[in-house]
Amino acid sequence: MSVALDRILDEKRAFSVGVACCRISPFNVADSEDAYNGLSRLRDRTRKEAPNLEPSEREALDTVFVHDPFINCLLEFRQVGERVQYRHGVVLRTPINQPLSLHVKTSARAAIAAPIASLPFTSGYLQLIDHLVYLEVAEKRVQSALDRATKKLP
């Protein structure tokens, strides 16, 4: 295992702490935002360390941070919570990778203000987004990639 992967594992532990805080009631918006930001920091750490990873480690982590549409959409969704304005809306994905086109005028407050947000999508319907479920799925996918990178899984 490379030193670079050790640094990534440290960042993953911090992300997991953020997700664990979201499991504690009552719901706290700051905890949810921090967990999404933790996922972003983990992705950024992985990008920074990529040149120093062994090829098998990089390949395993690319499955989640480059090729996983659900994870990439969560990272975009984090920006909605930070009030980034998109001209054409954002396409989110459910944990089973079903695309959901978020309306461009969706309020950042509505997107992140509750543990389960009811958001308007361009189809005209409201969709429930359970932040804890989404973050836990992300955590499991990242852990699976890290297990492959550390050769705990094939």
N, C-alpha and C. Protein backbone atom coordinates (compact mmCIF):
# COMPACT_ATOMS: atom_id res chain seq x y z
N MET A 1 0.86 -1.18 0.00
CA MET A 1 0.00 0.00 0.00
C MET A 1 0.89 1.24 0.00
N SER A 2 0.56 2.19 -0.85
CA SER A 2 1.37 3.39 -0.99
C SER A 2 1.08 4.40 0.13
N VAL A 3 2.02 5.32 0.31
CA VAL A 3 1.85 6.41 1.27
C VAL A 3 0.68 7.30 0.82
N ALA A 4 0.56 7.48 -0.49
CA ALA A 4 -0.55 8.29 -1.03
C ALA A 4 -1.90 7.69 -0.64
N LEU A 5 -2.01 6.37 -0.70
CA LEU A 5 -3.26 5.72 -0.32
C LEU A 5 -3.53 5.90 1.17
N ASP A 6 -2.51 5.92 1.99
CA ASP A 6 -2.69 6.19 3.42
C ASP A 6 -3.33 7.56 3.64
N ARG A 7 -2.88 8.56 2.88
CA ARG A 7 -3.45 9.91 3.02
C ARG A 7 -4.91 9.93 2.57
N ILE A 8 -5.21 9.17 1.55
CA ILE A 8 -6.60 9.07 1.07
C ILE A 8 -7.46 8.39 2.14
N LEU A 9 -6.92 7.35 2.77
CA LEU A 9 -7.66 6.65 3.83
C LEU A 9 -7.95 7.58 5.00
N ASP A 10 -7.01 8.48 5.33
CA ASP A 10 -7.26 9.47 6.39
C ASP A 10 -8.43 10.36 6.03
N GLU A 11 -8.48 10.80 4.78
CA GLU A 11 -9.58 11.66 4.33
C GLU A 11 -10.89 10.89 4.31
N LYS A 12 -10.83 9.60 3.99
CA LYS A 12 -12.05 8.78 4.00
C LYS A 12 -12.59 8.64 5.42
N ARG A 13 -11.70 8.50 6.38
CA ARG A 13 -12.14 8.41 7.78
C ARG A 13 -12.86 9.70 8.19
N ALA A 14 -12.35 10.84 7.75
CA ALA A 14 -13.00 12.12 8.06
C ALA A 14 -14.38 12.19 7.41
N PHE A 15 -14.50 11.72 6.18
CA PHE A 15 -15.80 11.67 5.51
C PHE A 15 -16.76 10.77 6.30
N SER A 16 -16.29 9.62 6.74
CA SER A 16 -17.14 8.69 7.50
C SER A 16 -17.61 9.30 8.81
N VAL A 17 -16.75 10.09 9.45
CA VAL A 17 -17.16 10.79 10.67
C VAL A 17 -18.29 11.77 10.35
N GLY A 18 -18.18 12.46 9.22
CA GLY A 18 -19.25 13.38 8.80
C GLY A 18 -20.56 12.65 8.56
N VAL A 19 -20.51 11.49 7.92
CA VAL A 19 -21.72 10.71 7.69
C VAL A 19 -22.29 10.22 9.02
N ALA A 20 -21.42 9.81 9.94
CA ALA A 20 -21.88 9.35 11.25
C ALA A 20 -22.60 10.46 12.00
N CYS A 21 -22.13 11.69 11.86
CA CYS A 21 -22.81 12.82 12.51
C CYS A 21 -24.22 13.01 11.97
N CYS A 22 -24.43 12.67 10.72
CA CYS A 22 -25.76 12.79 10.11
C CYS A 22 -26.74 11.76 10.66
N ARG A 23 -26.22 10.68 11.21
CA ARG A 23 -27.08 9.63 11.77
C ARG A 23 -27.66 10.03 13.12
N ILE A 24 -27.05 11.01 13.74
CA ILE A 24 -27.47 11.45 15.08
C ILE A 24 -28.64 12.42 14.91
N SER A 25 -29.69 12.21 15.70
CA SER A 25 -30.80 13.15 15.63
C SER A 25 -30.63 14.18 16.75
N PRO A 26 -31.16 15.35 16.64
CA PRO A 26 -31.96 15.84 15.54
C PRO A 26 -31.09 16.24 14.35
N PHE A 27 -31.74 16.37 13.21
CA PHE A 27 -31.07 16.74 11.98
C PHE A 27 -30.41 18.11 12.13
N ASN A 28 -29.20 18.22 11.61
CA ASN A 28 -28.46 19.47 11.64
C ASN A 28 -27.96 19.73 10.21
N VAL A 29 -28.36 20.85 9.63
CA VAL A 29 -27.98 21.20 8.27
C VAL A 29 -26.47 21.22 8.12
N ALA A 30 -25.78 21.77 9.10
CA ALA A 30 -24.32 21.88 9.03
C ALA A 30 -23.66 20.50 8.93
N ASP A 31 -24.21 19.51 9.63
CA ASP A 31 -23.65 18.16 9.56
C ASP A 31 -23.81 17.58 8.15
N SER A 32 -24.98 17.80 7.58
CA SER A 32 -25.24 17.29 6.23
C SER A 32 -24.32 17.97 5.22
N GLU A 33 -24.21 19.28 5.30
CA GLU A 33 -23.31 20.01 4.39
C GLU A 33 -21.88 19.54 4.57
N ASP A 34 -21.47 19.33 5.82
CA ASP A 34 -20.10 18.89 6.09
C ASP A 34 -19.84 17.51 5.50
N ALA A 35 -20.83 16.63 5.55
CA ALA A 35 -20.65 15.29 4.99
C ALA A 35 -20.48 15.36 3.47
N TYR A 36 -21.32 16.16 2.80
CA TYR A 36 -21.16 16.34 1.35
C TYR A 36 -19.80 16.97 1.03
N ASN A 37 -19.40 17.96 1.82
CA ASN A 37 -18.10 18.59 1.61
C ASN A 37 -16.96 17.60 1.88
N GLY A 38 -17.17 16.70 2.84
CA GLY A 38 -16.17 15.67 3.12
C GLY A 38 -15.98 14.75 1.93
N LEU A 39 -17.06 14.42 1.25
CA LEU A 39 -16.96 13.61 0.04
C LEU A 39 -16.16 14.36 -1.03
N SER A 40 -16.40 15.65 -1.13
CA SER A 40 -15.66 16.46 -2.10
C SER A 40 -14.18 16.53 -1.73
N ARG A 41 -13.88 16.70 -0.46
CA ARG A 41 -12.47 16.73 -0.03
C ARG A 41 -11.79 15.39 -0.30
N LEU A 42 -12.53 14.31 -0.11
CA LEU A 42 -11.98 12.98 -0.38
C LEU A 42 -11.68 12.82 -1.87
N ARG A 43 -12.60 13.26 -2.71
CA ARG A 43 -12.36 13.21 -4.16
C ARG A 43 -11.16 14.08 -4.54
N ASP A 44 -11.06 15.28 -3.94
CA ASP A 44 -9.94 16.17 -4.23
C ASP A 44 -8.61 15.56 -3.78
N ARG A 45 -8.62 14.92 -2.61
CA ARG A 45 -7.40 14.26 -2.12
C ARG A 45 -7.00 13.13 -3.07
N THR A 46 -7.99 12.39 -3.54
CA THR A 46 -7.72 11.29 -4.47
C THR A 46 -7.11 11.82 -5.76
N ARG A 47 -7.64 12.91 -6.27
CA ARG A 47 -7.08 13.52 -7.48
C ARG A 47 -5.64 13.98 -7.25
N LYS A 48 -5.41 14.61 -6.11
CA LYS A 48 -4.07 15.12 -5.80
C LYS A 48 -3.06 13.99 -5.67
N GLU A 49 -3.49 12.89 -5.07
CA GLU A 49 -2.58 11.77 -4.82
C GLU A 49 -2.47 10.82 -6.01
N ALA A 50 -3.32 10.97 -7.02
CA ALA A 50 -3.36 10.03 -8.14
C ALA A 50 -1.99 9.74 -8.76
N PRO A 51 -1.15 10.75 -9.01
CA PRO A 51 0.15 10.44 -9.61
C PRO A 51 1.06 9.57 -8.73
N ASN A 52 0.78 9.56 -7.43
CA ASN A 52 1.62 8.81 -6.48
C ASN A 52 1.05 7.45 -6.11
N LEU A 53 -0.11 7.12 -6.66
CA LEU A 53 -0.73 5.83 -6.36
C LEU A 53 -0.15 4.75 -7.27
N GLU A 54 -0.19 3.53 -6.77
CA GLU A 54 0.15 2.40 -7.62
C GLU A 54 -0.97 2.24 -8.65
N PRO A 55 -0.67 1.72 -9.83
CA PRO A 55 -1.71 1.60 -10.88
C PRO A 55 -2.97 0.88 -10.41
N SER A 56 -2.83 -0.18 -9.63
CA SER A 56 -4.02 -0.91 -9.17
C SER A 56 -4.84 -0.08 -8.19
N GLU A 57 -4.17 0.74 -7.38
CA GLU A 57 -4.88 1.62 -6.45
C GLU A 57 -5.64 2.69 -7.21
N ARG A 58 -4.98 3.30 -8.19
CA ARG A 58 -5.62 4.35 -8.99
C ARG A 58 -6.83 3.80 -9.74
N GLU A 59 -6.67 2.63 -10.31
CA GLU A 59 -7.77 2.00 -11.05
C GLU A 59 -8.97 1.75 -10.14
N ALA A 60 -8.72 1.25 -8.94
CA ALA A 60 -9.81 0.98 -8.00
C ALA A 60 -10.53 2.26 -7.60
N LEU A 61 -9.79 3.33 -7.36
CA LEU A 61 -10.40 4.59 -6.94
C LEU A 61 -11.09 5.31 -8.10
N ASP A 62 -10.59 5.11 -9.30
CA ASP A 62 -11.24 5.71 -10.47
C ASP A 62 -12.65 5.16 -10.66
N THR A 63 -12.87 3.92 -10.25
CA THR A 63 -14.21 3.34 -10.41
C THR A 63 -15.26 4.16 -9.67
N VAL A 64 -14.87 4.75 -8.56
CA VAL A 64 -15.85 5.51 -7.77
C VAL A 64 -15.76 7.02 -8.04
N PHE A 65 -14.58 7.57 -8.22
CA PHE A 65 -14.47 9.02 -8.36
C PHE A 65 -14.44 9.53 -9.80
N VAL A 66 -14.29 8.64 -10.76
CA VAL A 66 -14.30 9.05 -12.16
C VAL A 66 -15.49 8.44 -12.90
N HIS A 67 -15.72 7.15 -12.68
CA HIS A 67 -16.70 6.42 -13.49
C HIS A 67 -18.05 6.18 -12.84
N ASP A 68 -18.26 6.63 -11.61
CA ASP A 68 -19.54 6.38 -10.93
C ASP A 68 -20.43 7.62 -11.06
N PRO A 69 -21.48 7.54 -11.89
CA PRO A 69 -22.33 8.72 -12.08
C PRO A 69 -23.04 9.18 -10.80
N PHE A 70 -23.39 8.26 -9.93
CA PHE A 70 -24.06 8.64 -8.68
C PHE A 70 -23.14 9.51 -7.82
N ILE A 71 -21.90 9.10 -7.66
CA ILE A 71 -20.95 9.87 -6.85
C ILE A 71 -20.71 11.23 -7.49
N ASN A 72 -20.51 11.26 -8.79
CA ASN A 72 -20.27 12.54 -9.47
C ASN A 72 -21.46 13.48 -9.33
N CYS A 73 -22.67 12.94 -9.36
CA CYS A 73 -23.85 13.78 -9.19
C CYS A 73 -23.98 14.30 -7.76
N LEU A 74 -23.59 13.49 -6.79
CA LEU A 74 -23.61 13.97 -5.40
C LEU A 74 -22.65 15.14 -5.24
N LEU A 75 -21.53 15.07 -5.92
CA LEU A 75 -20.56 16.17 -5.84
C LEU A 75 -21.13 17.43 -6.49
N GLU A 76 -21.91 17.30 -7.54
CA GLU A 76 -22.59 18.45 -8.13
C GLU A 76 -23.70 18.95 -7.21
N PHE A 77 -24.43 18.01 -6.60
CA PHE A 77 -25.51 18.39 -5.70
C PHE A 77 -24.99 19.21 -4.53
N ARG A 78 -23.81 18.88 -4.07
CA ARG A 78 -23.18 19.64 -2.99
C ARG A 78 -23.09 21.11 -3.37
N GLN A 79 -22.82 21.38 -4.64
CA GLN A 79 -22.73 22.76 -5.09
C GLN A 79 -24.09 23.46 -5.07
N VAL A 80 -25.16 22.71 -5.29
CA VAL A 80 -26.50 23.29 -5.18
C VAL A 80 -26.70 23.78 -3.75
N GLY A 81 -26.29 22.97 -2.78
CA GLY A 81 -26.39 23.36 -1.38
C GLY A 81 -25.53 24.56 -1.04
N GLU A 82 -24.50 24.80 -1.83
CA GLU A 82 -23.64 25.97 -1.62
C GLU A 82 -24.06 27.15 -2.48
N ARG A 83 -25.25 27.04 -3.04
CA ARG A 83 -25.88 28.13 -3.78
C ARG A 83 -25.18 28.48 -5.09
N VAL A 84 -24.57 27.49 -5.72
CA VAL A 84 -24.02 27.69 -7.05
C VAL A 84 -25.18 27.68 -8.03
N GLN A 85 -25.25 28.65 -8.90
CA GLN A 85 -26.36 28.75 -9.86
C GLN A 85 -25.97 28.06 -11.16
N TYR A 86 -26.74 27.09 -11.56
CA TYR A 86 -26.53 26.40 -12.83
C TYR A 86 -27.49 26.99 -13.86
N ARG A 87 -27.03 27.20 -15.06
CA ARG A 87 -27.88 27.76 -16.11
C ARG A 87 -28.91 26.75 -16.60
N HIS A 88 -28.56 25.47 -16.58
CA HIS A 88 -29.44 24.46 -17.16
C HIS A 88 -29.89 23.41 -16.14
N GLY A 89 -29.78 23.71 -14.88
CA GLY A 89 -30.18 22.75 -13.88
C GLY A 89 -29.10 21.70 -13.65
N VAL A 90 -29.39 20.77 -12.79
CA VAL A 90 -28.45 19.72 -12.43
C VAL A 90 -29.14 18.37 -12.60
N VAL A 91 -28.44 17.41 -13.11
CA VAL A 91 -28.98 16.06 -13.18
C VAL A 91 -28.41 15.28 -12.00
N LEU A 92 -29.29 14.88 -11.11
CA LEU A 92 -28.90 14.03 -9.99
C LEU A 92 -29.20 12.59 -10.38
N ARG A 93 -28.64 11.68 -9.65
CA ARG A 93 -28.93 10.27 -9.87
C ARG A 93 -29.31 9.65 -8.54
N THR A 94 -30.23 8.73 -8.62
CA THR A 94 -30.60 7.96 -7.44
C THR A 94 -29.50 6.93 -7.20
N PRO A 95 -29.51 6.25 -6.06
CA PRO A 95 -28.51 5.22 -5.82
C PRO A 95 -28.50 4.10 -6.88
N ILE A 96 -29.61 3.95 -7.62
CA ILE A 96 -29.62 2.95 -8.70
C ILE A 96 -29.34 3.61 -10.06
N ASN A 97 -28.79 4.82 -10.01
CA ASN A 97 -28.37 5.59 -11.18
C ASN A 97 -29.51 6.06 -12.08
N GLN A 98 -30.71 6.15 -11.56
CA GLN A 98 -31.81 6.74 -12.31
C GLN A 98 -31.60 8.25 -12.36
N PRO A 99 -31.59 8.86 -13.55
CA PRO A 99 -31.36 10.31 -13.64
C PRO A 99 -32.58 11.11 -13.21
N LEU A 100 -32.32 12.19 -12.49
CA LEU A 100 -33.36 13.12 -12.06
C LEU A 100 -32.87 14.53 -12.40
N SER A 101 -33.58 15.23 -13.25
CA SER A 101 -33.17 16.58 -13.65
C SER A 101 -33.76 17.60 -12.68
N LEU A 102 -32.89 18.17 -11.88
CA LEU A 102 -33.30 19.15 -10.88
C LEU A 102 -33.57 20.48 -11.58
N HIS A 103 -34.70 21.09 -11.27
CA HIS A 103 -35.06 22.36 -11.88
C HIS A 103 -34.03 23.42 -11.51
N VAL A 104 -33.69 24.28 -12.46
CA VAL A 104 -32.65 25.29 -12.27
C VAL A 104 -32.98 26.27 -11.15
N LYS A 105 -34.26 26.49 -10.87
CA LYS A 105 -34.65 27.46 -9.84
C LYS A 105 -34.83 26.83 -8.47
N THR A 106 -34.36 25.62 -8.28
CA THR A 106 -34.48 24.97 -6.97
C THR A 106 -33.72 25.76 -5.92
N SER A 107 -34.37 26.02 -4.82
CA SER A 107 -33.76 26.75 -3.73
C SER A 107 -32.70 25.91 -3.05
N ALA A 108 -31.55 26.52 -2.81
CA ALA A 108 -30.49 25.82 -2.08
C ALA A 108 -30.96 25.45 -0.69
N ARG A 109 -31.72 26.33 -0.08
CA ARG A 109 -32.24 26.06 1.27
C ARG A 109 -33.13 24.82 1.24
N ALA A 110 -34.01 24.72 0.26
CA ALA A 110 -34.90 23.56 0.16
C ALA A 110 -34.12 22.28 -0.10
N ALA A 111 -33.03 22.39 -0.83
CA ALA A 111 -32.25 21.21 -1.21
C ALA A 111 -31.57 20.55 -0.02
N ILE A 112 -31.21 21.31 0.99
CA ILE A 112 -30.37 20.76 2.05
C ILE A 112 -30.94 21.00 3.45
N ALA A 113 -32.08 21.68 3.55
CA ALA A 113 -32.59 22.12 4.85
C ALA A 113 -33.26 21.04 5.70
N ALA A 114 -33.49 19.89 5.13
CA ALA A 114 -34.18 18.83 5.89
C ALA A 114 -33.51 17.50 5.60
N PRO A 115 -33.66 16.52 6.49
CA PRO A 115 -33.03 15.23 6.24
C PRO A 115 -33.57 14.54 4.99
N ILE A 116 -34.83 14.79 4.70
CA ILE A 116 -35.44 14.28 3.47
C ILE A 116 -36.05 15.49 2.76
N ALA A 117 -35.45 15.84 1.64
CA ALA A 117 -35.89 17.02 0.91
C ALA A 117 -36.85 16.61 -0.20
N SER A 118 -37.89 17.40 -0.39
CA SER A 118 -38.84 17.19 -1.48
C SER A 118 -38.53 18.26 -2.52
N LEU A 119 -37.92 17.83 -3.63
CA LEU A 119 -37.42 18.78 -4.62
C LEU A 119 -38.17 18.69 -5.94
N PRO A 120 -38.37 19.84 -6.59
CA PRO A 120 -39.03 19.84 -7.91
C PRO A 120 -38.05 19.47 -9.01
N PHE A 121 -38.46 18.56 -9.84
CA PHE A 121 -37.64 18.17 -10.98
C PHE A 121 -38.32 18.62 -12.25
N THR A 122 -37.57 18.69 -13.35
CA THR A 122 -38.10 19.24 -14.59
C THR A 122 -39.28 18.46 -15.14
N SER A 123 -39.44 17.24 -14.69
CA SER A 123 -40.60 16.45 -15.13
C SER A 123 -41.90 16.98 -14.55
N GLY A 124 -41.78 17.92 -13.59
CA GLY A 124 -42.96 18.49 -12.96
C GLY A 124 -43.34 17.80 -11.66
N TYR A 125 -42.63 16.77 -11.31
CA TYR A 125 -42.92 16.03 -10.09
C TYR A 125 -41.95 16.39 -8.98
N LEU A 126 -42.40 16.16 -7.77
CA LEU A 126 -41.51 16.30 -6.62
C LEU A 126 -40.85 14.96 -6.36
N GLN A 127 -39.60 14.99 -6.00
CA GLN A 127 -38.85 13.77 -5.69
C GLN A 127 -38.27 13.92 -4.30
N LEU A 128 -38.38 12.87 -3.51
CA LEU A 128 -37.79 12.88 -2.18
C LEU A 128 -36.32 12.48 -2.28
N ILE A 129 -35.47 13.28 -1.64
CA ILE A 129 -34.04 12.99 -1.58
C ILE A 129 -33.70 12.80 -0.11
N ASP A 130 -33.37 11.59 0.27
CA ASP A 130 -33.00 11.28 1.65
C ASP A 130 -31.48 11.40 1.76
N HIS A 131 -31.02 12.49 2.34
CA HIS A 131 -29.59 12.77 2.38
C HIS A 131 -28.79 11.66 3.08
N LEU A 132 -29.31 11.14 4.17
CA LEU A 132 -28.58 10.10 4.89
C LEU A 132 -28.42 8.86 4.02
N VAL A 133 -29.49 8.45 3.35
CA VAL A 133 -29.41 7.28 2.47
C VAL A 133 -28.37 7.53 1.38
N TYR A 134 -28.42 8.71 0.74
CA TYR A 134 -27.48 9.01 -0.34
C TYR A 134 -26.04 9.01 0.17
N LEU A 135 -25.82 9.62 1.33
CA LEU A 135 -24.46 9.66 1.89
C LEU A 135 -23.98 8.28 2.31
N GLU A 136 -24.87 7.46 2.86
CA GLU A 136 -24.47 6.10 3.24
C GLU A 136 -24.14 5.25 2.02
N VAL A 137 -24.88 5.41 0.93
CA VAL A 137 -24.57 4.69 -0.30
C VAL A 137 -23.21 5.14 -0.82
N ALA A 138 -22.96 6.45 -0.78
CA ALA A 138 -21.67 6.96 -1.22
C ALA A 138 -20.54 6.40 -0.36
N GLU A 139 -20.76 6.36 0.93
CA GLU A 139 -19.75 5.84 1.85
C GLU A 139 -19.43 4.37 1.54
N LYS A 140 -20.46 3.57 1.27
CA LYS A 140 -20.25 2.16 0.95
C LYS A 140 -19.50 1.99 -0.37
N ARG A 141 -19.84 2.80 -1.37
CA ARG A 141 -19.14 2.70 -2.66
C ARG A 141 -17.68 3.10 -2.53
N VAL A 142 -17.42 4.15 -1.78
CA VAL A 142 -16.04 4.57 -1.56
C VAL A 142 -15.28 3.49 -0.80
N GLN A 143 -15.91 2.93 0.24
CA GLN A 143 -15.23 1.89 1.01
C GLN A 143 -14.93 0.67 0.14
N SER A 144 -15.85 0.30 -0.72
CA SER A 144 -15.63 -0.83 -1.62
C SER A 144 -14.43 -0.57 -2.53
N ALA A 145 -14.34 0.65 -3.07
CA ALA A 145 -13.20 1.01 -3.92
C ALA A 145 -11.91 0.98 -3.13
N LEU A 146 -11.95 1.46 -1.91
CA LEU A 146 -10.74 1.44 -1.07
C LEU A 146 -10.36 0.01 -0.69
N ASP A 147 -11.34 -0.84 -0.48
CA ASP A 147 -11.04 -2.25 -0.20
C ASP A 147 -10.33 -2.88 -1.39
N ARG A 148 -10.79 -2.56 -2.60
CA ARG A 148 -10.10 -3.08 -3.79
C ARG A 148 -8.69 -2.49 -3.90
N ALA A 149 -8.56 -1.21 -3.57
CA ALA A 149 -7.26 -0.56 -3.67
C ALA A 149 -6.27 -1.15 -2.67
N THR A 150 -6.76 -1.54 -1.51
CA THR A 150 -5.88 -2.13 -0.50
C THR A 150 -5.84 -3.65 -0.62
N LYS A 151 -6.46 -4.14 -1.69
CA LYS A 151 -6.46 -5.56 -2.06
C LYS A 151 -7.19 -6.44 -1.06
N LYS A 152 -8.18 -5.86 -0.39
CA LYS A 152 -9.02 -6.67 0.50
C LYS A 152 -10.13 -7.37 -0.27
N LEU A 153 -10.43 -6.83 -1.48
CA LEU A 153 -11.44 -7.43 -2.36
C LEU A 153 -10.85 -7.60 -3.75
N PRO A 154 -11.36 -8.56 -4.52
CA PRO A 154 -10.86 -8.71 -5.90
C PRO A 154 -11.33 -7.59 -6.81
